[in-house]
Amino acid sequence: MESRARSIVKAVIWNLIGLLMMCVVGFVATGSFAVGGVMALINAAIGLTLYVVYERIWAQVRWGRHV
C-alpha cells in the first residue's frame, strides 16, 4: 500500500501528462496552442468530474469486495 501523498503526486503528474498530450492534440487539430490549451483544460475538468462521479458510483457497488 502506498502513502496518500504518493498517490496524490502520481495523480497530479498523470493529469499533467494528460494536459500536455491534449494540448498537443489540440494544436495538431487546430494549429493554435491557445485553442489546444483551452481544449486540454476543458478535457481535464470534464475528466476529473466524471472520475469523481464514477468513483462515487463504484463506492456503492458491493460486488468483488472482501470484508
N, C-alpha and C. Protein backbone atom coordinates (compact mmCIF):
# COMPACT_ATOMS: atom_id res chain seq x y z
N MET A 1 0.85 -1.18 0.00
CA MET A 1 0.00 0.00 0.00
C MET A 1 0.89 1.24 0.00
N GLU A 2 0.50 2.24 -0.78
CA GLU A 2 1.31 3.45 -0.85
C GLU A 2 0.69 4.57 -0.02
N SER A 3 1.50 5.56 0.28
CA SER A 3 1.02 6.67 1.10
C SER A 3 0.05 7.55 0.29
N ARG A 4 -0.74 8.31 1.03
CA ARG A 4 -1.68 9.24 0.40
C ARG A 4 -0.92 10.28 -0.43
N ALA A 5 0.19 10.77 0.12
CA ALA A 5 0.99 11.78 -0.60
C ALA A 5 1.49 11.23 -1.93
N ARG A 6 1.98 9.99 -1.92
CA ARG A 6 2.47 9.36 -3.16
C ARG A 6 1.34 9.25 -4.18
N SER A 7 0.17 8.83 -3.72
CA SER A 7 -0.98 8.70 -4.62
C SER A 7 -1.36 10.04 -5.23
N ILE A 8 -1.33 11.09 -4.42
CA ILE A 8 -1.68 12.42 -4.92
C ILE A 8 -0.65 12.91 -5.93
N VAL A 9 0.63 12.72 -5.63
CA VAL A 9 1.68 13.15 -6.57
C VAL A 9 1.55 12.39 -7.89
N LYS A 10 1.32 11.09 -7.82
CA LYS A 10 1.14 10.30 -9.04
C LYS A 10 -0.05 10.80 -9.85
N ALA A 11 -1.16 11.10 -9.18
CA ALA A 11 -2.36 11.58 -9.87
C ALA A 11 -2.12 12.93 -10.53
N VAL A 12 -1.43 13.83 -9.83
CA VAL A 12 -1.14 15.15 -10.38
C VAL A 12 -0.24 15.03 -11.60
N ILE A 13 0.81 14.22 -11.50
CA ILE A 13 1.72 14.03 -12.64
C ILE A 13 0.97 13.43 -13.82
N TRP A 14 0.12 12.44 -13.56
CA TRP A 14 -0.66 11.81 -14.63
C TRP A 14 -1.56 12.84 -15.30
N ASN A 15 -2.19 13.71 -14.50
CA ASN A 15 -3.04 14.75 -15.07
C ASN A 15 -2.23 15.74 -15.90
N LEU A 16 -1.04 16.09 -15.45
CA LEU A 16 -0.18 16.99 -16.22
C LEU A 16 0.22 16.37 -17.55
N ILE A 17 0.53 15.09 -17.54
CA ILE A 17 0.84 14.39 -18.80
C ILE A 17 -0.36 14.44 -19.72
N GLY A 18 -1.54 14.18 -19.17
CA GLY A 18 -2.77 14.24 -19.98
C GLY A 18 -3.02 15.62 -20.54
N LEU A 19 -2.80 16.65 -19.73
CA LEU A 19 -2.97 18.03 -20.19
C LEU A 19 -2.02 18.33 -21.35
N LEU A 20 -0.77 17.92 -21.20
CA LEU A 20 0.22 18.16 -22.25
C LEU A 20 -0.17 17.44 -23.55
N MET A 21 -0.58 16.19 -23.43
CA MET A 21 -0.95 15.43 -24.62
C MET A 21 -2.19 16.02 -25.30
N MET A 22 -3.17 16.43 -24.50
CA MET A 22 -4.37 17.03 -25.08
C MET A 22 -4.05 18.36 -25.74
N CYS A 23 -3.12 19.11 -25.15
CA CYS A 23 -2.70 20.38 -25.75
C CYS A 23 -2.04 20.13 -27.11
N VAL A 24 -1.21 19.11 -27.18
CA VAL A 24 -0.56 18.75 -28.45
C VAL A 24 -1.61 18.32 -29.48
N VAL A 25 -2.54 17.48 -29.07
CA VAL A 25 -3.60 17.03 -29.98
C VAL A 25 -4.41 18.24 -30.46
N GLY A 26 -4.75 19.13 -29.53
CA GLY A 26 -5.49 20.34 -29.91
C GLY A 26 -4.71 21.21 -30.87
N PHE A 27 -3.41 21.33 -30.66
CA PHE A 27 -2.58 22.11 -31.57
C PHE A 27 -2.54 21.48 -32.95
N VAL A 28 -2.34 20.17 -33.00
CA VAL A 28 -2.30 19.47 -34.29
C VAL A 28 -3.63 19.62 -35.03
N ALA A 29 -4.73 19.55 -34.29
CA ALA A 29 -6.05 19.64 -34.91
C ALA A 29 -6.40 21.05 -35.35
N THR A 30 -5.92 22.06 -34.60
CA THR A 30 -6.35 23.44 -34.90
C THR A 30 -5.24 24.36 -35.36
N GLY A 31 -3.98 23.99 -35.09
CA GLY A 31 -2.87 24.86 -35.43
C GLY A 31 -2.65 25.98 -34.43
N SER A 32 -3.34 25.94 -33.30
CA SER A 32 -3.23 27.00 -32.29
C SER A 32 -2.96 26.39 -30.92
N PHE A 33 -1.88 26.88 -30.28
CA PHE A 33 -1.60 26.41 -28.92
C PHE A 33 -2.65 26.93 -27.94
N ALA A 34 -3.19 28.12 -28.19
CA ALA A 34 -4.21 28.68 -27.30
C ALA A 34 -5.46 27.81 -27.32
N VAL A 35 -5.92 27.46 -28.51
CA VAL A 35 -7.12 26.61 -28.63
C VAL A 35 -6.82 25.23 -28.06
N GLY A 36 -5.63 24.71 -28.34
CA GLY A 36 -5.24 23.41 -27.79
C GLY A 36 -5.21 23.43 -26.27
N GLY A 37 -4.72 24.53 -25.70
CA GLY A 37 -4.68 24.66 -24.24
C GLY A 37 -6.07 24.71 -23.64
N VAL A 38 -6.96 25.46 -24.27
CA VAL A 38 -8.34 25.53 -23.79
C VAL A 38 -8.99 24.15 -23.87
N MET A 39 -8.76 23.46 -24.98
CA MET A 39 -9.30 22.10 -25.13
C MET A 39 -8.76 21.19 -24.03
N ALA A 40 -7.49 21.32 -23.71
CA ALA A 40 -6.88 20.49 -22.68
C ALA A 40 -7.49 20.78 -21.31
N LEU A 41 -7.70 22.05 -20.99
CA LEU A 41 -8.29 22.41 -19.70
C LEU A 41 -9.73 21.93 -19.59
N ILE A 42 -10.49 22.08 -20.65
CA ILE A 42 -11.87 21.59 -20.64
C ILE A 42 -11.89 20.08 -20.48
N ASN A 43 -11.02 19.40 -21.21
CA ASN A 43 -10.93 17.94 -21.11
C ASN A 43 -10.57 17.51 -19.68
N ALA A 44 -9.63 18.21 -19.06
CA ALA A 44 -9.21 17.86 -17.70
C ALA A 44 -10.37 18.07 -16.71
N ALA A 45 -11.09 19.17 -16.86
CA ALA A 45 -12.21 19.45 -15.96
C ALA A 45 -13.31 18.40 -16.11
N ILE A 46 -13.64 18.07 -17.35
CA ILE A 46 -14.67 17.04 -17.58
C ILE A 46 -14.19 15.69 -17.06
N GLY A 47 -12.95 15.35 -17.36
CA GLY A 47 -12.40 14.07 -16.92
C GLY A 47 -12.38 13.95 -15.40
N LEU A 48 -11.97 14.99 -14.70
CA LEU A 48 -11.94 14.97 -13.25
C LEU A 48 -13.35 14.80 -12.68
N THR A 49 -14.28 15.56 -13.20
CA THR A 49 -15.66 15.47 -12.74
C THR A 49 -16.24 14.08 -12.95
N LEU A 50 -16.06 13.54 -14.15
CA LEU A 50 -16.58 12.21 -14.44
C LEU A 50 -15.90 11.14 -13.58
N TYR A 51 -14.61 11.31 -13.30
CA TYR A 51 -13.91 10.34 -12.47
C TYR A 51 -14.45 10.33 -11.05
N VAL A 52 -14.72 11.51 -10.50
CA VAL A 52 -15.27 11.58 -9.15
C VAL A 52 -16.64 10.91 -9.11
N VAL A 53 -17.48 11.18 -10.09
CA VAL A 53 -18.80 10.55 -10.15
C VAL A 53 -18.65 9.04 -10.30
N TYR A 54 -17.77 8.59 -11.16
CA TYR A 54 -17.50 7.17 -11.39
C TYR A 54 -17.08 6.48 -10.09
N GLU A 55 -16.15 7.10 -9.35
CA GLU A 55 -15.69 6.53 -8.09
C GLU A 55 -16.81 6.47 -7.06
N ARG A 56 -17.66 7.50 -7.01
CA ARG A 56 -18.78 7.51 -6.07
C ARG A 56 -19.76 6.38 -6.39
N ILE A 57 -20.00 6.16 -7.66
CA ILE A 57 -20.89 5.06 -8.05
C ILE A 57 -20.29 3.72 -7.63
N TRP A 58 -19.01 3.50 -7.94
CA TRP A 58 -18.36 2.24 -7.58
C TRP A 58 -18.27 2.05 -6.07
N ALA A 59 -18.23 3.13 -5.32
CA ALA A 59 -18.19 3.01 -3.86
C ALA A 59 -19.47 2.38 -3.32
N GLN A 60 -20.55 2.47 -4.08
CA GLN A 60 -21.83 1.90 -3.67
C GLN A 60 -22.01 0.44 -4.11
N VAL A 61 -21.14 -0.05 -4.98
CA VAL A 61 -21.23 -1.41 -5.50
C VAL A 61 -20.52 -2.36 -4.55
N ARG A 62 -21.21 -3.38 -4.09
CA ARG A 62 -20.63 -4.34 -3.14
C ARG A 62 -19.88 -5.48 -3.84
N TRP A 63 -20.13 -5.70 -5.11
CA TRP A 63 -19.54 -6.80 -5.85
C TRP A 63 -18.02 -6.76 -5.78
N GLY A 64 -17.39 -7.88 -5.49
CA GLY A 64 -15.95 -8.01 -5.50
C GLY A 64 -15.24 -7.51 -4.26
N ARG A 65 -15.96 -7.06 -3.28
CA ARG A 65 -15.33 -6.58 -2.04
C ARG A 65 -15.17 -7.72 -1.07
N HIS A 66 -14.09 -7.70 -0.34
CA HIS A 66 -13.83 -8.67 0.72
C HIS A 66 -13.87 -7.94 2.05
N VAL A 67 -14.73 -8.38 2.92
CA VAL A 67 -14.88 -7.70 4.21
C VAL A 67 -14.01 -8.32 5.25
